[in-house]
Each structure stands twice: as C-alpha cells, then as structure tokens.
Amino acid sequence: MNILIWIIFGALAGWLASVFMKSNQSTLEDIVLGIVGAFVGGIVMNFFGQAGVTGFNLRSIVVASLGAAVIILIARALRR
C-alpha cells in the first residue's frame, strides 16, 4: 500500500514542484520525477527516523514535494 501512496503523491508532488520551480519539462516528466521524488523523500525521512509518506495528509504532500523538488534540481543539473 505504501508504494501506491508514493505513486499517487508522487504524481501530485511532481506537478506541485514543477509549478513552484517553474519547470519547463513536460507534464509526464514532472509526474515521473515526482514519483521518484516521493520515493526518495520517503526513504530520506525513514533514514532520519521519521515517517515518510504515510497517507493522504499535508505532511506527506510536503515530504513528496520536497523530494520531487530535489529530483527536479538534479535533473536540471544533469541536462546542462
């Protein structure tokens, strides 16, 4: 169930991160990067002993969006 939640929040987080970061990527790329970002955000939070993406709540959206923003920044750096 956690993976399904990561995918849903990842899609939302990728879109939110692309809006905040003014990304010029396609929507599909934003969603994929958001899913990866939600996964990364969840793993990082679990590494620090905190709950990552735990359900449909504000904290999970923030974790997934921050992870997506980091992944979008990395993708931008790799493209240059």
PDB file of N, CA and C in Angstrom:
ATOM      1  N   MET A   1       0.819  -1.194   0.000  1.00  0.00           N
ATOM      2  CA  MET A   1       0.000   0.000   0.000  1.00  0.00           C
ATOM      3  C   MET A   1       0.863   1.259   0.000  1.00  0.00           C
ATOM      4  N   ASN A   2       2.020   1.212   0.661  1.00  0.00           N
ATOM      5  CA  ASN A   2       2.893   2.382   0.693  1.00  0.00           C
ATOM      6  C   ASN A   2       3.369   2.776  -0.692  1.00  0.00           C
ATOM      7  N   ILE A   3       3.638   1.804  -1.545  1.00  0.00           N
ATOM      8  CA  ILE A   3       4.111   2.112  -2.892  1.00  0.00           C
ATOM      9  C   ILE A   3       3.017   2.807  -3.682  1.00  0.00           C
ATOM     10  N   LEU A   4       1.780   2.364  -3.536  1.00  0.00           N
ATOM     11  CA  LEU A   4       0.658   3.010  -4.222  1.00  0.00           C
ATOM     12  C   LEU A   4       0.492   4.455  -3.754  1.00  0.00           C
ATOM     13  N   ILE A   5       0.638   4.684  -2.475  1.00  0.00           N
ATOM     14  CA  ILE A   5       0.545   6.048  -1.944  1.00  0.00           C
ATOM     15  C   ILE A   5       1.691   6.895  -2.468  1.00  0.00           C
ATOM     16  N   TRP A   6       2.910   6.336  -2.539  1.00  0.00           N
ATOM     17  CA  TRP A   6       4.054   7.074  -3.100  1.00  0.00           C
ATOM     18  C   TRP A   6       3.787   7.472  -4.540  1.00  0.00           C
ATOM     19  N   ILE A   7       3.179   6.591  -5.320  1.00  0.00           N
ATOM     20  CA  ILE A   7       2.892   6.900  -6.721  1.00  0.00           C
ATOM     21  C   ILE A   7       1.862   8.021  -6.827  1.00  0.00           C
ATOM     22  N   ILE A   8       0.810   7.946  -6.050  1.00  0.00           N
ATOM     23  CA  ILE A   8      -0.236   8.984  -6.094  1.00  0.00           C
ATOM     24  C   ILE A   8       0.323  10.321  -5.629  1.00  0.00           C
ATOM     25  N   PHE A   9       0.985  10.320  -4.496  1.00  0.00           N
ATOM     26  CA  PHE A   9       1.567  11.563  -4.006  1.00  0.00           C
ATOM     27  C   PHE A   9       2.708  12.037  -4.881  1.00  0.00           C
ATOM     28  N   GLY A  10       3.417  11.120  -5.473  1.00  0.00           N
ATOM     29  CA  GLY A  10       4.496  11.494  -6.382  1.00  0.00           C
ATOM     30  C   GLY A  10       3.980  12.251  -7.586  1.00  0.00           C
ATOM     31  N   ALA A  11       2.883  11.788  -8.139  1.00  0.00           N
ATOM     32  CA  ALA A  11       2.291  12.489  -9.285  1.00  0.00           C
ATOM     33  C   ALA A  11       1.857  13.897  -8.880  1.00  0.00           C
ATOM     34  N   LEU A  12       1.194  14.009  -7.753  1.00  0.00           N
ATOM     35  CA  LEU A  12       0.770  15.325  -7.262  1.00  0.00           C
ATOM     36  C   LEU A  12       1.972  16.188  -6.896  1.00  0.00           C
ATOM     37  N   ALA A  13       2.948  15.594  -6.225  1.00  0.00           N
ATOM     38  CA  ALA A  13       4.136  16.338  -5.799  1.00  0.00           C
ATOM     39  C   ALA A  13       4.962  16.786  -6.997  1.00  0.00           C
ATOM     40  N   GLY A  14       5.069  15.954  -8.005  1.00  0.00           N
ATOM     41  CA  GLY A  14       5.805  16.341  -9.212  1.00  0.00           C
ATOM     42  C   GLY A  14       5.166  17.533  -9.890  1.00  0.00           C
ATOM     43  N   TRP A  15       3.854  17.522  -9.949  1.00  0.00           N
ATOM     44  CA  TRP A  15       3.155  18.654 -10.541  1.00  0.00           C
ATOM     45  C   TRP A  15       3.343  19.912  -9.687  1.00  0.00           C
ATOM     46  N   LEU A  16       3.177  19.785  -8.358  1.00  0.00           N
ATOM     47  CA  LEU A  16       3.351  20.938  -7.462  1.00  0.00           C
ATOM     48  C   LEU A  16       4.781  21.478  -7.518  1.00  0.00           C
ATOM     49  N   ALA A  17       5.764  20.578  -7.497  1.00  0.00           N
ATOM     50  CA  ALA A  17       7.166  21.008  -7.540  1.00  0.00           C
ATOM     51  C   ALA A  17       7.466  21.713  -8.857  1.00  0.00           C
ATOM     52  N   SER A  18       6.897  21.224  -9.963  1.00  0.00           N
ATOM     53  CA  SER A  18       7.149  21.869 -11.251  1.00  0.00           C
ATOM     54  C   SER A  18       6.516  23.254 -11.313  1.00  0.00           C
ATOM     55  N   VAL A  19       5.377  23.424 -10.665  1.00  0.00           N
ATOM     56  CA  VAL A  19       4.736  24.744 -10.623  1.00  0.00           C
ATOM     57  C   VAL A  19       5.581  25.709  -9.797  1.00  0.00           C
ATOM     58  N   PHE A  20       6.030  25.273  -8.621  1.00  0.00           N
ATOM     59  CA  PHE A  20       6.820  26.139  -7.751  1.00  0.00           C
ATOM     60  C   PHE A  20       8.200  26.448  -8.322  1.00  0.00           C
ATOM     61  N   MET A  21       8.776  25.484  -9.036  1.00  0.00           N
ATOM     62  CA  MET A  21      10.127  25.669  -9.561  1.00  0.00           C
ATOM     63  C   MET A  21      10.128  26.175 -11.000  1.00  0.00           C
ATOM     64  N   LYS A  22       8.932  26.429 -11.543  1.00  0.00           N
ATOM     65  CA  LYS A  22       8.787  26.916 -12.917  1.00  0.00           C
ATOM     66  C   LYS A  22       9.552  26.024 -13.896  1.00  0.00           C
ATOM     67  N   SER A  23       9.254  24.752 -13.806  1.00  0.00           N
ATOM     68  CA  SER A  23       9.907  23.760 -14.646  1.00  0.00           C
ATOM     69  C   SER A  23       9.368  23.847 -16.067  1.00  0.00           C
ATOM     70  N   ASN A  24      10.240  23.669 -17.041  1.00  0.00           N
ATOM     71  CA  ASN A  24       9.832  23.711 -18.434  1.00  0.00           C
ATOM     72  C   ASN A  24       9.773  22.311 -19.036  1.00  0.00           C
ATOM     73  N   GLN A  25       9.607  21.315 -18.195  1.00  0.00           N
ATOM     74  CA  GLN A  25       9.534  19.938 -18.650  1.00  0.00           C
ATOM     75  C   GLN A  25       8.084  19.600 -18.989  1.00  0.00           C
ATOM     76  N   SER A  26       7.888  18.464 -19.630  1.00  0.00           N
ATOM     77  CA  SER A  26       6.535  18.028 -19.927  1.00  0.00           C
ATOM     78  C   SER A  26       5.852  17.558 -18.641  1.00  0.00           C
ATOM     79  N   THR A  27       4.558  17.493 -18.683  1.00  0.00           N
ATOM     80  CA  THR A  27       3.804  17.052 -17.518  1.00  0.00           C
ATOM     81  C   THR A  27       4.145  15.616 -17.159  1.00  0.00           C
ATOM     82  N   LEU A  28       4.328  14.784 -18.159  1.00  0.00           N
ATOM     83  CA  LEU A  28       4.681  13.387 -17.891  1.00  0.00           C
ATOM     84  C   LEU A  28       6.030  13.286 -17.189  1.00  0.00           C
ATOM     85  N   GLU A  29       7.008  14.089 -17.623  1.00  0.00           N
ATOM     86  CA  GLU A  29       8.315  14.090 -16.957  1.00  0.00           C
ATOM     87  C   GLU A  29       8.188  14.563 -15.516  1.00  0.00           C
ATOM     88  N   ASP A  30       7.370  15.576 -15.292  1.00  0.00           N
ATOM     89  CA  ASP A  30       7.163  16.074 -13.929  1.00  0.00           C
ATOM     90  C   ASP A  30       6.554  14.998 -13.039  1.00  0.00           C
ATOM     91  N   ILE A  31       5.595  14.258 -13.583  1.00  0.00           N
ATOM     92  CA  ILE A  31       4.954  13.211 -12.799  1.00  0.00           C
ATOM     93  C   ILE A  31       5.943  12.102 -12.471  1.00  0.00           C
ATOM     94  N   VAL A  32       6.727  11.692 -13.456  1.00  0.00           N
ATOM     95  CA  VAL A  32       7.715  10.631 -13.222  1.00  0.00           C
ATOM     96  C   VAL A  32       8.758  11.092 -12.206  1.00  0.00           C
ATOM     97  N   LEU A  33       9.262  12.311 -12.369  1.00  0.00           N
ATOM     98  CA  LEU A  33      10.235  12.834 -11.402  1.00  0.00           C
ATOM     99  C   LEU A  33       9.596  12.986 -10.024  1.00  0.00           C
ATOM    100  N   GLY A  34       8.322  13.316  -9.984  1.00  0.00           N
ATOM    101  CA  GLY A  34       7.614  13.430  -8.711  1.00  0.00           C
ATOM    102  C   GLY A  34       7.468  12.092  -8.016  1.00  0.00           C
ATOM    103  N   ILE A  35       7.193  11.049  -8.781  1.00  0.00           N
ATOM    104  CA  ILE A  35       7.081   9.713  -8.194  1.00  0.00           C
ATOM    105  C   ILE A  35       8.425   9.282  -7.617  1.00  0.00           C
ATOM    106  N   VAL A  36       9.485   9.504  -8.379  1.00  0.00           N
ATOM    107  CA  VAL A  36      10.831   9.188  -7.889  1.00  0.00           C
ATOM    108  C   VAL A  36      11.145  10.060  -6.668  1.00  0.00           C
ATOM    109  N   GLY A  37      10.755  11.333  -6.727  1.00  0.00           N
ATOM    110  CA  GLY A  37      10.991  12.240  -5.604  1.00  0.00           C
ATOM    111  C   GLY A  37      10.241  11.836  -4.354  1.00  0.00           C
ATOM    112  N   ALA A  38       9.008  11.368  -4.506  1.00  0.00           N
ATOM    113  CA  ALA A  38       8.247  10.903  -3.344  1.00  0.00           C
ATOM    114  C   ALA A  38       8.911   9.675  -2.733  1.00  0.00           C
ATOM    115  N   PHE A  39       9.401   8.802  -3.578  1.00  0.00           N
ATOM    116  CA  PHE A  39      10.115   7.623  -3.101  1.00  0.00           C
ATOM    117  C   PHE A  39      11.370   8.035  -2.344  1.00  0.00           C
ATOM    118  N   VAL A  40      12.152   8.939  -2.936  1.00  0.00           N
ATOM    119  CA  VAL A  40      13.383   9.424  -2.303  1.00  0.00           C
ATOM    120  C   VAL A  40      13.065  10.170  -1.001  1.00  0.00           C
ATOM    121  N   GLY A  41      12.052  11.028  -1.032  1.00  0.00           N
ATOM    122  CA  GLY A  41      11.662  11.761   0.174  1.00  0.00           C
ATOM    123  C   GLY A  41      11.253  10.820   1.297  1.00  0.00           C
ATOM    124  N   GLY A  42      10.511   9.765   0.950  1.00  0.00           N
ATOM    125  CA  GLY A  42      10.107   8.785   1.959  1.00  0.00           C
ATOM    126  C   GLY A  42      11.289   8.033   2.539  1.00  0.00           C
ATOM    127  N   ILE A  43      12.223   7.664   1.674  1.00  0.00           N
ATOM    128  CA  ILE A  43      13.414   6.944   2.149  1.00  0.00           C
ATOM    129  C   ILE A  43      14.274   7.841   3.041  1.00  0.00           C
ATOM    130  N   VAL A  44      14.453   9.093   2.636  1.00  0.00           N
ATOM    131  CA  VAL A  44      15.259  10.027   3.437  1.00  0.00           C
ATOM    132  C   VAL A  44      14.618  10.251   4.806  1.00  0.00           C
ATOM    133  N   MET A  45      13.299  10.438   4.832  1.00  0.00           N
ATOM    134  CA  MET A  45      12.626  10.643   6.115  1.00  0.00           C
ATOM    135  C   MET A  45      12.730   9.393   6.991  1.00  0.00           C
ATOM    136  N   ASN A  46      12.589   8.212   6.400  1.00  0.00           N
ATOM    137  CA  ASN A  46      12.735   6.971   7.169  1.00  0.00           C
ATOM    138  C   ASN A  46      14.154   6.813   7.694  1.00  0.00           C
ATOM    139  N   PHE A  47      15.141   7.263   6.912  1.00  0.00           N
ATOM    140  CA  PHE A  47      16.533   7.207   7.338  1.00  0.00           C
ATOM    141  C   PHE A  47      16.752   8.043   8.595  1.00  0.00           C
ATOM    142  N   PHE A  48      16.069   9.182   8.682  1.00  0.00           N
ATOM    143  CA  PHE A  48      16.201  10.046   9.850  1.00  0.00           C
ATOM    144  C   PHE A  48      15.260   9.655  10.978  1.00  0.00           C
ATOM    145  N   GLY A  49      14.573   8.519  10.833  1.00  0.00           N
ATOM    146  CA  GLY A  49      13.716   8.023  11.902  1.00  0.00           C
ATOM    147  C   GLY A  49      12.345   8.661  11.935  1.00  0.00           C
ATOM    148  N   GLN A  50      11.977   9.353  10.901  1.00  0.00           N
ATOM    149  CA  GLN A  50      10.663   9.996  10.831  1.00  0.00           C
ATOM    150  C   GLN A  50       9.796   9.247   9.828  1.00  0.00           C
ATOM    151  N   ALA A  51       8.512   9.452   9.947  1.00  0.00           N
ATOM    152  CA  ALA A  51       7.593   8.837   8.980  1.00  0.00           C
ATOM    153  C   ALA A  51       7.705   9.592   7.660  1.00  0.00           C
ATOM    154  N   GLY A  52       7.735   8.862   6.581  1.00  0.00           N
ATOM    155  CA  GLY A  52       7.819   9.473   5.252  1.00  0.00           C
ATOM    156  C   GLY A  52       6.434   9.789   4.733  1.00  0.00           C
ATOM    157  N   VAL A  53       6.080   9.187   3.625  1.00  0.00           N
ATOM    158  CA  VAL A  53       4.745   9.344   3.051  1.00  0.00           C
ATOM    159  C   VAL A  53       3.857   8.332   3.756  1.00  0.00           C
ATOM    160  N   THR A  54       2.954   8.833   4.611  1.00  0.00           N
ATOM    161  CA  THR A  54       2.189   7.955   5.492  1.00  0.00           C
ATOM    162  C   THR A  54       0.722   7.839   5.129  1.00  0.00           C
ATOM    163  N   GLY A  55       0.242   8.628   4.249  1.00  0.00           N
ATOM    164  CA  GLY A  55      -1.175   8.587   3.885  1.00  0.00           C
ATOM    165  C   GLY A  55      -1.556   9.892   3.212  1.00  0.00           C
ATOM    166  N   PHE A  56      -2.827  10.107   3.094  1.00  0.00           N
ATOM    167  CA  PHE A  56      -3.305  11.332   2.454  1.00  0.00           C
ATOM    168  C   PHE A  56      -3.393  12.442   3.498  1.00  0.00           C
ATOM    169  N   ASN A  57      -2.261  13.082   3.731  1.00  0.00           N
ATOM    170  CA  ASN A  57      -2.219  14.186   4.684  1.00  0.00           C
ATOM    171  C   ASN A  57      -1.216  15.236   4.210  1.00  0.00           C
ATOM    172  N   LEU A  58      -1.232  16.374   4.853  1.00  0.00           N
ATOM    173  CA  LEU A  58      -0.395  17.508   4.460  1.00  0.00           C
ATOM    174  C   LEU A  58       1.092  17.181   4.599  1.00  0.00           C
ATOM    175  N   ARG A  59       1.461  16.505   5.660  1.00  0.00           N
ATOM    176  CA  ARG A  59       2.874  16.171   5.883  1.00  0.00           C
ATOM    177  C   ARG A  59       3.422  15.309   4.739  1.00  0.00           C
ATOM    178  N   SER A  60       2.632  14.368   4.282  1.00  0.00           N
ATOM    179  CA  SER A  60       3.065  13.507   3.185  1.00  0.00           C
ATOM    180  C   SER A  60       3.225  14.287   1.889  1.00  0.00           C
ATOM    181  N   ILE A  61       2.342  15.235   1.652  1.00  0.00           N
ATOM    182  CA  ILE A  61       2.461  16.064   0.448  1.00  0.00           C
ATOM    183  C   ILE A  61       3.734  16.899   0.507  1.00  0.00           C
ATOM    184  N   VAL A  62       4.048  17.430   1.678  1.00  0.00           N
ATOM    185  CA  VAL A  62       5.265  18.232   1.837  1.00  0.00           C
ATOM    186  C   VAL A  62       6.505  17.364   1.609  1.00  0.00           C
ATOM    187  N   VAL A  63       6.542  16.172   2.199  1.00  0.00           N
ATOM    188  CA  VAL A  63       7.691  15.272   2.029  1.00  0.00           C
ATOM    189  C   VAL A  63       7.857  14.913   0.559  1.00  0.00           C
ATOM    190  N   ALA A  64       6.773  14.556  -0.100  1.00  0.00           N
ATOM    191  CA  ALA A  64       6.841  14.165  -1.507  1.00  0.00           C
ATOM    192  C   ALA A  64       7.231  15.347  -2.392  1.00  0.00           C
ATOM    193  N   SER A  65       6.711  16.536  -2.090  1.00  0.00           N
ATOM    194  CA  SER A  65       7.048  17.715  -2.891  1.00  0.00           C
ATOM    195  C   SER A  65       8.511  18.110  -2.732  1.00  0.00           C
ATOM    196  N   LEU A  66       9.031  18.024  -1.519  1.00  0.00           N
ATOM    197  CA  LEU A  66      10.448  18.335  -1.315  1.00  0.00           C
ATOM    198  C   LEU A  66      11.339  17.321  -2.023  1.00  0.00           C
ATOM    199  N   GLY A  67      10.979  16.064  -1.950  1.00  0.00           N
ATOM    200  CA  GLY A  67      11.738  15.045  -2.675  1.00  0.00           C
ATOM    201  C   GLY A  67      11.678  15.274  -4.178  1.00  0.00           C
ATOM    202  N   ALA A  68      10.509  15.645  -4.682  1.00  0.00           N
ATOM    203  CA  ALA A  68      10.359  15.922  -6.117  1.00  0.00           C
ATOM    204  C   ALA A  68      11.173  17.138  -6.525  1.00  0.00           C
ATOM    205  N   ALA A  69      11.189  18.173  -5.676  1.00  0.00           N
ATOM    206  CA  ALA A  69      11.974  19.371  -5.988  1.00  0.00           C
ATOM    207  C   ALA A  69      13.458  19.033  -6.074  1.00  0.00           C
ATOM    208  N   VAL A  70      13.928  18.195  -5.184  1.00  0.00           N
ATOM    209  CA  VAL A  70      15.336  17.783  -5.213  1.00  0.00           C
ATOM    210  C   VAL A  70      15.634  17.013  -6.497  1.00  0.00           C
ATOM    211  N   ILE A  71      14.751  16.110  -6.870  1.00  0.00           N
ATOM    212  CA  ILE A  71      14.957  15.326  -8.090  1.00  0.00           C
ATOM    213  C   ILE A  71      14.901  16.222  -9.324  1.00  0.00           C
ATOM    214  N   ILE A  72      14.009  17.203  -9.351  1.00  0.00           N
ATOM    215  CA  ILE A  72      13.942  18.137 -10.482  1.00  0.00           C
ATOM    216  C   ILE A  72      15.231  18.949 -10.568  1.00  0.00           C
ATOM    217  N   LEU A  73      15.767  19.383  -9.429  1.00  0.00           N
ATOM    218  CA  LEU A  73      17.043  20.114  -9.435  1.00  0.00           C
ATOM    219  C   LEU A  73      18.178  19.236  -9.975  1.00  0.00           C
ATOM    220  N   ILE A  74      18.200  17.981  -9.570  1.00  0.00           N
ATOM    221  CA  ILE A  74      19.230  17.067 -10.061  1.00  0.00           C
ATOM    222  C   ILE A  74      19.073  16.852 -11.563  1.00  0.00           C
ATOM    223  N   ALA A  75      17.831  16.689 -12.020  1.00  0.00           N
ATOM    224  CA  ALA A  75      17.594  16.507 -13.459  1.00  0.00           C
ATOM    225  C   ALA A  75      18.020  17.729 -14.259  1.00  0.00           C
ATOM    226  N   ARG A  76      17.763  18.912 -13.727  1.00  0.00           N
ATOM    227  CA  ARG A  76      18.198  20.144 -14.396  1.00  0.00           C
ATOM    228  C   ARG A  76      19.719  20.206 -14.491  1.00  0.00           C
ATOM    229  N   ALA A  77      20.395  19.842 -13.405  1.00  0.00           N
ATOM    230  CA  ALA A  77      21.861  19.886 -13.402  1.00  0.00           C
ATOM    231  C   ALA A  77      22.453  18.881 -14.394  1.00  0.00           C
ATOM    232  N   LEU A  78      21.828  17.733 -14.523  1.00  0.00           N
ATOM    233  CA  LEU A  78      22.334  16.717 -15.443  1.00  0.00           C
ATOM    234  C   LEU A  78      22.115  17.101 -16.912  1.00  0.00           C
ATOM    235  N   ARG A  79      21.098  17.871 -17.173  1.00  0.00           N
ATOM    236  CA  ARG A  79      20.801  18.278 -18.547  1.00  0.00           C
ATOM    237  C   ARG A  79      21.741  19.364 -19.053  1.00  0.00           C
ATOM    238  N   ARG A  80      22.371  20.070 -18.181  1.00  0.00           N
ATOM    239  CA  ARG A  80      23.254  21.171 -18.585  1.00  0.00           C
ATOM    240  C   ARG A  80      24.616  20.706 -18.912  1.00  0.00           C
TER     241      ARG A  80
END
